[in-house]
Amino acid sequence: MKFLCICQSGLGSSFMVQMNIQNILNEANVTEEITIDHSDVGSTTADLADYFFVDATLGEAVSSLPKERVILLKSLIDKNEIQAAVYKILDNESISHD
């Protein structure tokens, strides 16, 4: 499975979300192989990942992506919001976590 974190330029905030997701997966003892990467909004296409984590302000810019695979985040620094989104995906995909 692959997660892609998206921001306007593909550098700062998307990388921060990527690191937060990696920490969440490590803390939850997820053993399933999940790749996490980051990208800019303009380069993102539906075939790049299974799930896309995006700042809510960019929702319109990613409207071409499958809506059910886009996670719009109200805050890119709220670890609880990111964790809830990640856990929901893990549960939906039947991936074990603590």
PDB file of N, CA and C in Angstrom:
ATOM      1  N   MET A   1       0.845  -1.164   0.000  1.00  0.00           N
ATOM      2  CA  MET A   1       0.000   0.000   0.000  1.00  0.00           C
ATOM      3  C   MET A   1       0.893   1.230   0.000  1.00  0.00           C
ATOM      4  N   LYS A   2       0.397   2.303  -0.592  1.00  0.00           N
ATOM      5  CA  LYS A   2       1.173   3.536  -0.653  1.00  0.00           C
ATOM      6  C   LYS A   2       0.315   4.723  -0.254  1.00  0.00           C
ATOM      7  N   PHE A   3       0.898   5.577   0.605  1.00  0.00           N
ATOM      8  CA  PHE A   3       0.301   6.844   0.996  1.00  0.00           C
ATOM      9  C   PHE A   3       1.120   7.945   0.335  1.00  0.00           C
ATOM     10  N   LEU A   4       0.443   8.985  -0.139  1.00  0.00           N
ATOM     11  CA  LEU A   4       1.120  10.139  -0.703  1.00  0.00           C
ATOM     12  C   LEU A   4       0.617  11.384   0.011  1.00  0.00           C
ATOM     13  N   CYS A   5       1.562  12.145   0.549  1.00  0.00           N
ATOM     14  CA  CYS A   5       1.242  13.388   1.242  1.00  0.00           C
ATOM     15  C   CYS A   5       1.472  14.536   0.259  1.00  0.00           C
ATOM     16  N   ILE A   6       0.478  15.398   0.134  1.00  0.00           N
ATOM     17  CA  ILE A   6       0.505  16.421  -0.905  1.00  0.00           C
ATOM     18  C   ILE A   6       0.393  17.816  -0.296  1.00  0.00           C
ATOM     19  N   CYS A   7       1.243  18.713  -0.796  1.00  0.00           N
ATOM     20  CA  CYS A   7       1.103  20.130  -0.457  1.00  0.00           C
ATOM     21  C   CYS A   7       1.338  20.944  -1.727  1.00  0.00           C
ATOM     22  N   GLN A   8       1.278  22.230  -1.611  1.00  0.00           N
ATOM     23  CA  GLN A   8       1.385  23.097  -2.777  1.00  0.00           C
ATOM     24  C   GLN A   8       2.690  22.878  -3.540  1.00  0.00           C
ATOM     25  N   SER A   9       3.812  22.888  -2.823  1.00  0.00           N
ATOM     26  CA  SER A   9       5.111  22.776  -3.499  1.00  0.00           C
ATOM     27  C   SER A   9       5.752  21.399  -3.387  1.00  0.00           C
ATOM     28  N   GLY A  10       5.215  20.539  -2.531  1.00  0.00           N
ATOM     29  CA  GLY A  10       5.756  19.194  -2.389  1.00  0.00           C
ATOM     30  C   GLY A  10       7.003  19.103  -1.535  1.00  0.00           C
ATOM     31  N   LEU A  11       7.245  20.111  -0.727  1.00  0.00           N
ATOM     32  CA  LEU A  11       8.472  20.122   0.067  1.00  0.00           C
ATOM     33  C   LEU A  11       8.194  20.085   1.570  1.00  0.00           C
ATOM     34  N   GLY A  12       7.866  21.206   2.152  1.00  0.00           N
ATOM     35  CA  GLY A  12       7.801  21.330   3.606  1.00  0.00           C
ATOM     36  C   GLY A  12       6.681  20.602   4.295  1.00  0.00           C
ATOM     37  N   SER A  13       5.460  21.067   4.107  1.00  0.00           N
ATOM     38  CA  SER A  13       4.353  20.517   4.895  1.00  0.00           C
ATOM     39  C   SER A  13       4.028  19.084   4.511  1.00  0.00           C
ATOM     40  N   SER A  14       4.162  18.732   3.250  1.00  0.00           N
ATOM     41  CA  SER A  14       3.889  17.339   2.867  1.00  0.00           C
ATOM     42  C   SER A  14       4.931  16.399   3.461  1.00  0.00           C
ATOM     43  N   PHE A  15       6.171  16.856   3.553  1.00  0.00           N
ATOM     44  CA  PHE A  15       7.222  16.038   4.166  1.00  0.00           C
ATOM     45  C   PHE A  15       6.956  15.878   5.659  1.00  0.00           C
ATOM     46  N   MET A  16       6.465  16.942   6.295  1.00  0.00           N
ATOM     47  CA  MET A  16       6.144  16.875   7.722  1.00  0.00           C
ATOM     48  C   MET A  16       5.029  15.859   7.971  1.00  0.00           C
ATOM     49  N   VAL A  17       3.987  15.871   7.123  1.00  0.00           N
ATOM     50  CA  VAL A  17       2.902  14.901   7.256  1.00  0.00           C
ATOM     51  C   VAL A  17       3.437  13.488   7.030  1.00  0.00           C
ATOM     52  N   GLN A  18       4.319  13.328   6.055  1.00  0.00           N
ATOM     53  CA  GLN A  18       4.939  12.027   5.789  1.00  0.00           C
ATOM     54  C   GLN A  18       5.645  11.504   7.040  1.00  0.00           C
ATOM     55  N   MET A  19       6.446  12.341   7.673  1.00  0.00           N
ATOM     56  CA  MET A  19       7.162  11.922   8.879  1.00  0.00           C
ATOM     57  C   MET A  19       6.191  11.587  10.007  1.00  0.00           C
ATOM     58  N   ASN A  20       5.122  12.373  10.158  1.00  0.00           N
ATOM     59  CA  ASN A  20       4.125  12.090  11.193  1.00  0.00           C
ATOM     60  C   ASN A  20       3.446  10.746  10.952  1.00  0.00           C
ATOM     61  N   ILE A  21       3.094  10.459   9.712  1.00  0.00           N
ATOM     62  CA  ILE A  21       2.457   9.170   9.403  1.00  0.00           C
ATOM     63  C   ILE A  21       3.414   8.020   9.686  1.00  0.00           C
ATOM     64  N   GLN A  22       4.671   8.183   9.311  1.00  0.00           N
ATOM     65  CA  GLN A  22       5.660   7.129   9.577  1.00  0.00           C
ATOM     66  C   GLN A  22       5.771   6.870  11.074  1.00  0.00           C
ATOM     67  N   ASN A  23       5.810   7.932  11.871  1.00  0.00           N
ATOM     68  CA  ASN A  23       5.873   7.778  13.327  1.00  0.00           C
ATOM     69  C   ASN A  23       4.624   7.090  13.869  1.00  0.00           C
ATOM     70  N   ILE A  24       3.467   7.457  13.352  1.00  0.00           N
ATOM     71  CA  ILE A  24       2.207   6.842  13.786  1.00  0.00           C
ATOM     72  C   ILE A  24       2.219   5.346  13.485  1.00  0.00           C
ATOM     73  N   LEU A  25       2.641   4.982  12.281  1.00  0.00           N
ATOM     74  CA  LEU A  25       2.702   3.561  11.912  1.00  0.00           C
ATOM     75  C   LEU A  25       3.692   2.799  12.781  1.00  0.00           C
ATOM     76  N   ASN A  26       4.836   3.418  13.072  1.00  0.00           N
ATOM     77  CA  ASN A  26       5.837   2.772  13.932  1.00  0.00           C
ATOM     78  C   ASN A  26       5.296   2.581  15.338  1.00  0.00           C
ATOM     79  N   GLU A  27       4.667   3.618  15.890  1.00  0.00           N
ATOM     80  CA  GLU A  27       4.117   3.544  17.247  1.00  0.00           C
ATOM     81  C   GLU A  27       2.976   2.530  17.338  1.00  0.00           C
ATOM     82  N   ALA A  28       2.267   2.327  16.237  1.00  0.00           N
ATOM     83  CA  ALA A  28       1.142   1.385  16.220  1.00  0.00           C
ATOM     84  C   ALA A  28       1.588  -0.033  15.871  1.00  0.00           C
ATOM     85  N   ASN A  29       2.902  -0.225  15.709  1.00  0.00           N
ATOM     86  CA  ASN A  29       3.473  -1.535  15.403  1.00  0.00           C
ATOM     87  C   ASN A  29       2.870  -2.169  14.150  1.00  0.00           C
ATOM     88  N   VAL A  30       2.694  -1.361  13.123  1.00  0.00           N
ATOM     89  CA  VAL A  30       2.158  -1.854  11.855  1.00  0.00           C
ATOM     90  C   VAL A  30       3.278  -2.603  11.133  1.00  0.00           C
ATOM     91  N   THR A  31       3.021  -3.856  10.799  1.00  0.00           N
ATOM     92  CA  THR A  31       4.028  -4.666  10.119  1.00  0.00           C
ATOM     93  C   THR A  31       3.787  -4.764   8.618  1.00  0.00           C
ATOM     94  N   GLU A  32       2.583  -4.424   8.195  1.00  0.00           N
ATOM     95  CA  GLU A  32       2.259  -4.405   6.768  1.00  0.00           C
ATOM     96  C   GLU A  32       3.161  -3.380   6.076  1.00  0.00           C
ATOM     97  N   GLU A  33       3.614  -3.709   4.867  1.00  0.00           N
ATOM     98  CA  GLU A  33       4.466  -2.772   4.146  1.00  0.00           C
ATOM     99  C   GLU A  33       3.621  -1.624   3.582  1.00  0.00           C
ATOM    100  N   ILE A  34       3.889  -0.427   4.098  1.00  0.00           N
ATOM    101  CA  ILE A  34       3.213   0.780   3.629  1.00  0.00           C
ATOM    102  C   ILE A  34       4.289   1.789   3.259  1.00  0.00           C
ATOM    103  N   THR A  35       4.272   2.199   2.025  1.00  0.00           N
ATOM    104  CA  THR A  35       5.214   3.199   1.537  1.00  0.00           C
ATOM    105  C   THR A  35       4.583   4.572   1.688  1.00  0.00           C
ATOM    106  N   ILE A  36       5.373   5.529   2.144  1.00  0.00           N
ATOM    107  CA  ILE A  36       4.873   6.890   2.313  1.00  0.00           C
ATOM    108  C   ILE A  36       5.816   7.826   1.564  1.00  0.00           C
ATOM    109  N   ASP A  37       5.245   8.700   0.768  1.00  0.00           N
ATOM    110  CA  ASP A  37       6.040   9.663   0.013  1.00  0.00           C
ATOM    111  C   ASP A  37       5.324  10.999   0.039  1.00  0.00           C
ATOM    112  N   HIS A  38       5.961  12.023  -0.514  1.00  0.00           N
ATOM    113  CA  HIS A  38       5.336  13.338  -0.587  1.00  0.00           C
ATOM    114  C   HIS A  38       5.534  13.922  -1.980  1.00  0.00           C
ATOM    115  N   SER A  39       4.617  14.823  -2.346  1.00  0.00           N
ATOM    116  CA  SER A  39       4.632  15.379  -3.695  1.00  0.00           C
ATOM    117  C   SER A  39       3.921  16.723  -3.707  1.00  0.00           C
ATOM    118  N   ASP A  40       4.119  17.433  -4.829  1.00  0.00           N
ATOM    119  CA  ASP A  40       3.390  18.680  -5.009  1.00  0.00           C
ATOM    120  C   ASP A  40       2.046  18.386  -5.661  1.00  0.00           C
ATOM    121  N   VAL A  41       1.110  19.281  -5.482  1.00  0.00           N
ATOM    122  CA  VAL A  41      -0.254  19.070  -5.951  1.00  0.00           C
ATOM    123  C   VAL A  41      -0.325  18.960  -7.475  1.00  0.00           C
ATOM    124  N   GLY A  42       0.498  19.698  -8.185  1.00  0.00           N
ATOM    125  CA  GLY A  42       0.449  19.698  -9.640  1.00  0.00           C
ATOM    126  C   GLY A  42       0.940  18.418 -10.289  1.00  0.00           C
ATOM    127  N   SER A  43       1.769  17.665  -9.596  1.00  0.00           N
ATOM    128  CA  SER A  43       2.338  16.431 -10.145  1.00  0.00           C
ATOM    129  C   SER A  43       1.563  15.186  -9.749  1.00  0.00           C
ATOM    130  N   THR A  44       0.555  15.339  -8.928  1.00  0.00           N
ATOM    131  CA  THR A  44      -0.153  14.190  -8.371  1.00  0.00           C
ATOM    132  C   THR A  44      -1.216  13.658  -9.321  1.00  0.00           C
ATOM    133  N   THR A  45      -1.152  12.350  -9.548  1.00  0.00           N
ATOM    134  CA  THR A  45      -2.168  11.663 -10.345  1.00  0.00           C
ATOM    135  C   THR A  45      -2.676  10.468  -9.544  1.00  0.00           C
ATOM    136  N   ALA A  46      -3.836   9.981  -9.905  1.00  0.00           N
ATOM    137  CA  ALA A  46      -4.503   8.917  -9.149  1.00  0.00           C
ATOM    138  C   ALA A  46      -3.701   7.628  -9.072  1.00  0.00           C
ATOM    139  N   ASP A  47      -2.815   7.384 -10.030  1.00  0.00           N
ATOM    140  CA  ASP A  47      -2.051   6.142 -10.037  1.00  0.00           C
ATOM    141  C   ASP A  47      -0.813   6.178  -9.134  1.00  0.00           C
ATOM    142  N   LEU A  48      -0.552   7.296  -8.478  1.00  0.00           N
ATOM    143  CA  LEU A  48       0.651   7.424  -7.657  1.00  0.00           C
ATOM    144  C   LEU A  48       0.536   6.806  -6.270  1.00  0.00           C
ATOM    145  N   ALA A  49      -0.688   6.596  -5.789  1.00  0.00           N
ATOM    146  CA  ALA A  49      -0.839   6.071  -4.426  1.00  0.00           C
ATOM    147  C   ALA A  49      -2.218   5.470  -4.240  1.00  0.00           C
ATOM    148  N   ASP A  50      -2.346   4.760  -3.119  1.00  0.00           N
ATOM    149  CA  ASP A  50      -3.642   4.213  -2.735  1.00  0.00           C
ATOM    150  C   ASP A  50      -4.459   5.243  -1.959  1.00  0.00           C
ATOM    151  N   TYR A  51      -3.770   6.076  -1.153  1.00  0.00           N
ATOM    152  CA  TYR A  51      -4.434   7.110  -0.366  1.00  0.00           C
ATOM    153  C   TYR A  51      -3.605   8.381  -0.414  1.00  0.00           C
ATOM    154  N   PHE A  52      -4.313   9.519  -0.409  1.00  0.00           N
ATOM    155  CA  PHE A  52      -3.672  10.819  -0.534  1.00  0.00           C
ATOM    156  C   PHE A  52      -4.039  11.685   0.670  1.00  0.00           C
ATOM    157  N   PHE A  53      -3.036  12.193   1.373  1.00  0.00           N
ATOM    158  CA  PHE A  53      -3.226  13.088   2.511  1.00  0.00           C
ATOM    159  C   PHE A  53      -2.953  14.507   2.028  1.00  0.00           C
ATOM    160  N   VAL A  54      -3.976  15.359   2.130  1.00  0.00           N
ATOM    161  CA  VAL A  54      -3.921  16.680   1.519  1.00  0.00           C
ATOM    162  C   VAL A  54      -4.456  17.727   2.485  1.00  0.00           C
ATOM    163  N   ASP A  55      -3.815  18.890   2.511  1.00  0.00           N
ATOM    164  CA  ASP A  55      -4.343  20.013   3.265  1.00  0.00           C
ATOM    165  C   ASP A  55      -5.723  20.352   2.707  1.00  0.00           C
ATOM    166  N   ALA A  56      -6.682  20.568   3.580  1.00  0.00           N
ATOM    167  CA  ALA A  56      -8.065  20.813   3.163  1.00  0.00           C
ATOM    168  C   ALA A  56      -8.189  22.005   2.211  1.00  0.00           C
ATOM    169  N   THR A  57      -7.285  22.968   2.317  1.00  0.00           N
ATOM    170  CA  THR A  57      -7.352  24.137   1.429  1.00  0.00           C
ATOM    171  C   THR A  57      -7.044  23.778  -0.022  1.00  0.00           C
ATOM    172  N   LEU A  58      -6.478  22.605  -0.249  1.00  0.00           N
ATOM    173  CA  LEU A  58      -6.157  22.157  -1.605  1.00  0.00           C
ATOM    174  C   LEU A  58      -7.182  21.165  -2.148  1.00  0.00           C
ATOM    175  N   GLY A  59      -8.303  21.040  -1.473  1.00  0.00           N
ATOM    176  CA  GLY A  59      -9.328  20.087  -1.881  1.00  0.00           C
ATOM    177  C   GLY A  59      -9.762  20.258  -3.320  1.00  0.00           C
ATOM    178  N   GLU A  60      -9.964  21.469  -3.744  1.00  0.00           N
ATOM    179  CA  GLU A  60     -10.384  21.733  -5.125  1.00  0.00           C
ATOM    180  C   GLU A  60      -9.289  21.335  -6.113  1.00  0.00           C
ATOM    181  N   ALA A  61      -8.033  21.543  -5.733  1.00  0.00           N
ATOM    182  CA  ALA A  61      -6.902  21.245  -6.625  1.00  0.00           C
ATOM    183  C   ALA A  61      -6.718  19.745  -6.855  1.00  0.00           C
ATOM    184  N   VAL A  62      -7.246  18.913  -5.945  1.00  0.00           N
ATOM    185  CA  VAL A  62      -7.117  17.458  -6.095  1.00  0.00           C
ATOM    186  C   VAL A  62      -8.455  16.809  -6.433  1.00  0.00           C
ATOM    187  N   SER A  63      -9.374  17.583  -6.962  1.00  0.00           N
ATOM    188  CA  SER A  63     -10.718  17.068  -7.241  1.00  0.00           C
ATOM    189  C   SER A  63     -10.726  15.972  -8.302  1.00  0.00           C
ATOM    190  N   SER A  64      -9.644  15.841  -9.059  1.00  0.00           N
ATOM    191  CA  SER A  64      -9.574  14.769 -10.060  1.00  0.00           C
ATOM    192  C   SER A  64      -9.203  13.419  -9.447  1.00  0.00           C
ATOM    193  N   LEU A  65      -8.737  13.424  -8.207  1.00  0.00           N
ATOM    194  CA  LEU A  65      -8.396  12.171  -7.524  1.00  0.00           C
ATOM    195  C   LEU A  65      -9.668  11.512  -7.000  1.00  0.00           C
ATOM    196  N   PRO A  66      -9.662  10.176  -6.882  1.00  0.00           N
ATOM    197  CA  PRO A  66     -10.846   9.486  -6.348  1.00  0.00           C
ATOM    198  C   PRO A  66     -11.171   9.974  -4.934  1.00  0.00           C
ATOM    199  N   LYS A  67     -12.344  10.537  -4.767  1.00  0.00           N
ATOM    200  CA  LYS A  67     -12.745  11.172  -3.506  1.00  0.00           C
ATOM    201  C   LYS A  67     -12.592  10.242  -2.304  1.00  0.00           C
ATOM    202  N   GLU A  68     -12.900   8.960  -2.486  1.00  0.00           N
ATOM    203  CA  GLU A  68     -12.828   8.008  -1.371  1.00  0.00           C
ATOM    204  C   GLU A  68     -11.397   7.689  -0.952  1.00  0.00           C
ATOM    205  N   ARG A  69     -10.427   8.123  -1.730  1.00  0.00           N
ATOM    206  CA  ARG A  69      -9.020   7.862  -1.405  1.00  0.00           C
ATOM    207  C   ARG A  69      -8.277   9.126  -0.966  1.00  0.00           C
ATOM    208  N   VAL A  70      -8.992  10.238  -0.876  1.00  0.00           N
ATOM    209  CA  VAL A  70      -8.385  11.511  -0.475  1.00  0.00           C
ATOM    210  C   VAL A  70      -8.770  11.822   0.964  1.00  0.00           C
ATOM    211  N   ILE A  71      -7.758  12.088   1.780  1.00  0.00           N
ATOM    212  CA  ILE A  71      -7.983  12.464   3.170  1.00  0.00           C
ATOM    213  C   ILE A  71      -7.631  13.948   3.281  1.00  0.00           C
ATOM    214  N   LEU A  72      -8.654  14.775   3.462  1.00  0.00           N
ATOM    215  CA  LEU A  72      -8.440  16.209   3.605  1.00  0.00           C
ATOM    216  C   LEU A  72      -8.183  16.517   5.076  1.00  0.00           C
ATOM    217  N   LEU A  73      -7.037  17.088   5.353  1.00  0.00           N
ATOM    218  CA  LEU A  73      -6.640  17.391   6.724  1.00  0.00           C
ATOM    219  C   LEU A  73      -6.890  18.865   7.033  1.00  0.00           C
ATOM    220  N   LYS A  74      -7.597  19.116   8.123  1.00  0.00           N
ATOM    221  CA  LYS A  74      -7.845  20.496   8.549  1.00  0.00           C
ATOM    222  C   LYS A  74      -6.568  21.130   9.084  1.00  0.00           C
ATOM    223  N   SER A  75      -5.722  20.304   9.701  1.00  0.00           N
ATOM    224  CA  SER A  75      -4.458  20.792  10.261  1.00  0.00           C
ATOM    225  C   SER A  75      -3.350  19.796   9.945  1.00  0.00           C
ATOM    226  N   LEU A  76      -2.314  20.265   9.317  1.00  0.00           N
ATOM    227  CA  LEU A  76      -1.198  19.384   8.967  1.00  0.00           C
ATOM    228  C   LEU A  76      -0.301  19.079  10.160  1.00  0.00           C
ATOM    229  N   ILE A  77      -0.490  19.791  11.264  1.00  0.00           N
ATOM    230  CA  ILE A  77       0.347  19.562  12.435  1.00  0.00           C
ATOM    231  C   ILE A  77      -0.375  18.856  13.573  1.00  0.00           C
ATOM    232  N   ASP A  78      -1.660  18.572  13.387  1.00  0.00           N
ATOM    233  CA  ASP A  78      -2.452  17.903  14.420  1.00  0.00           C
ATOM    234  C   ASP A  78      -2.251  16.393  14.301  1.00  0.00           C
ATOM    235  N   LYS A  79      -1.380  15.865  15.147  1.00  0.00           N
ATOM    236  CA  LYS A  79      -1.064  14.436  15.090  1.00  0.00           C
ATOM    237  C   LYS A  79      -2.293  13.578  15.363  1.00  0.00           C
ATOM    238  N   ASN A  80      -3.190  14.044  16.227  1.00  0.00           N
ATOM    239  CA  ASN A  80      -4.401  13.270  16.528  1.00  0.00           C
ATOM    240  C   ASN A  80      -5.293  13.142  15.299  1.00  0.00           C
ATOM    241  N   GLU A  81      -5.425  14.220  14.528  1.00  0.00           N
ATOM    242  CA  GLU A  81      -6.232  14.167  13.307  1.00  0.00           C
ATOM    243  C   GLU A  81      -5.610  13.208  12.294  1.00  0.00           C
ATOM    244  N   ILE A  82      -4.297  13.303  12.130  1.00  0.00           N
ATOM    245  CA  ILE A  82      -3.602  12.417  11.191  1.00  0.00           C
ATOM    246  C   ILE A  82      -3.714  10.972  11.654  1.00  0.00           C
ATOM    247  N   GLN A  83      -3.523  10.741  12.955  1.00  0.00           N
ATOM    248  CA  GLN A  83      -3.607   9.384  13.499  1.00  0.00           C
ATOM    249  C   GLN A  83      -5.001   8.794  13.284  1.00  0.00           C
ATOM    250  N   ALA A  84      -6.039   9.571  13.520  1.00  0.00           N
ATOM    251  CA  ALA A  84      -7.401   9.079  13.320  1.00  0.00           C
ATOM    252  C   ALA A  84      -7.622   8.681  11.863  1.00  0.00           C
ATOM    253  N   ALA A  85      -7.104   9.480  10.940  1.00  0.00           N
ATOM    254  CA  ALA A  85      -7.253   9.171   9.508  1.00  0.00           C
ATOM    255  C   ALA A  85      -6.488   7.906   9.143  1.00  0.00           C
ATOM    256  N   VAL A  86      -5.268   7.777   9.654  1.00  0.00           N
ATOM    257  CA  VAL A  86      -4.461   6.592   9.370  1.00  0.00           C
ATOM    258  C   VAL A  86      -5.124   5.348   9.949  1.00  0.00           C
ATOM    259  N   TYR A  87      -5.591   5.419  11.183  1.00  0.00           N
ATOM    260  CA  TYR A  87      -6.241   4.261  11.810  1.00  0.00           C
ATOM    261  C   TYR A  87      -7.504   3.853  11.058  1.00  0.00           C
ATOM    262  N   LYS A  88      -8.251   4.830  10.574  1.00  0.00           N
ATOM    263  CA  LYS A  88      -9.458   4.517   9.806  1.00  0.00           C
ATOM    264  C   LYS A  88      -9.105   3.740   8.542  1.00  0.00           C
ATOM    265  N   ILE A  89      -8.043   4.166   7.870  1.00  0.00           N
ATOM    266  CA  ILE A  89      -7.585   3.444   6.672  1.00  0.00           C
ATOM    267  C   ILE A  89      -7.142   2.039   7.044  1.00  0.00           C
ATOM    268  N   LEU A  90      -6.349   1.921   8.104  1.00  0.00           N
ATOM    269  CA  LEU A  90      -5.868   0.606   8.529  1.00  0.00           C
ATOM    270  C   LEU A  90      -7.037  -0.322   8.848  1.00  0.00           C
ATOM    271  N   ASP A  91      -8.029   0.220   9.533  1.00  0.00           N
ATOM    272  CA  ASP A  91      -9.203  -0.590   9.869  1.00  0.00           C
ATOM    273  C   ASP A  91      -9.960  -1.008   8.605  1.00  0.00           C
ATOM    274  N   ASN A  92     -10.159  -0.069   7.690  1.00  0.00           N
ATOM    275  CA  ASN A  92     -10.872  -0.377   6.443  1.00  0.00           C
ATOM    276  C   ASN A  92     -10.142  -1.405   5.595  1.00  0.00           C
ATOM    277  N   GLU A  93      -8.824  -1.410   5.677  1.00  0.00           N
ATOM    278  CA  GLU A  93      -8.001  -2.334   4.901  1.00  0.00           C
ATOM    279  C   GLU A  93      -7.669  -3.601   5.687  1.00  0.00           C
ATOM    280  N   SER A  94      -8.220  -3.740   6.885  1.00  0.00           N
ATOM    281  CA  SER A  94      -7.976  -4.890   7.770  1.00  0.00           C
ATOM    282  C   SER A  94      -6.479  -5.083   8.054  1.00  0.00           C
ATOM    283  N   ILE A  95      -5.815  -3.982   8.362  1.00  0.00           N
ATOM    284  CA  ILE A  95      -4.391  -4.012   8.716  1.00  0.00           C
ATOM    285  C   ILE A  95      -4.267  -3.866  10.220  1.00  0.00           C
ATOM    286  N   SER A  96      -3.593  -4.816  10.831  1.00  0.00           N
ATOM    287  CA  SER A  96      -3.436  -4.847  12.270  1.00  0.00           C
ATOM    288  C   SER A  96      -2.601  -3.671  12.775  1.00  0.00           C
ATOM    289  N   HIS A  97      -3.058  -3.096  13.919  1.00  0.00           N
ATOM    290  CA  HIS A  97      -2.317  -2.030  14.571  1.00  0.00           C
ATOM    291  C   HIS A  97      -2.691  -1.997  16.042  1.00  0.00           C
ATOM    292  N   ASP A  98      -1.800  -1.396  16.842  1.00  0.00           N
ATOM    293  CA  ASP A  98      -2.059  -1.262  18.301  1.00  0.00           C
ATOM    294  C   ASP A  98      -2.953  -0.083  18.575  1.00  0.00           C
TER     295      ASP A  98
END
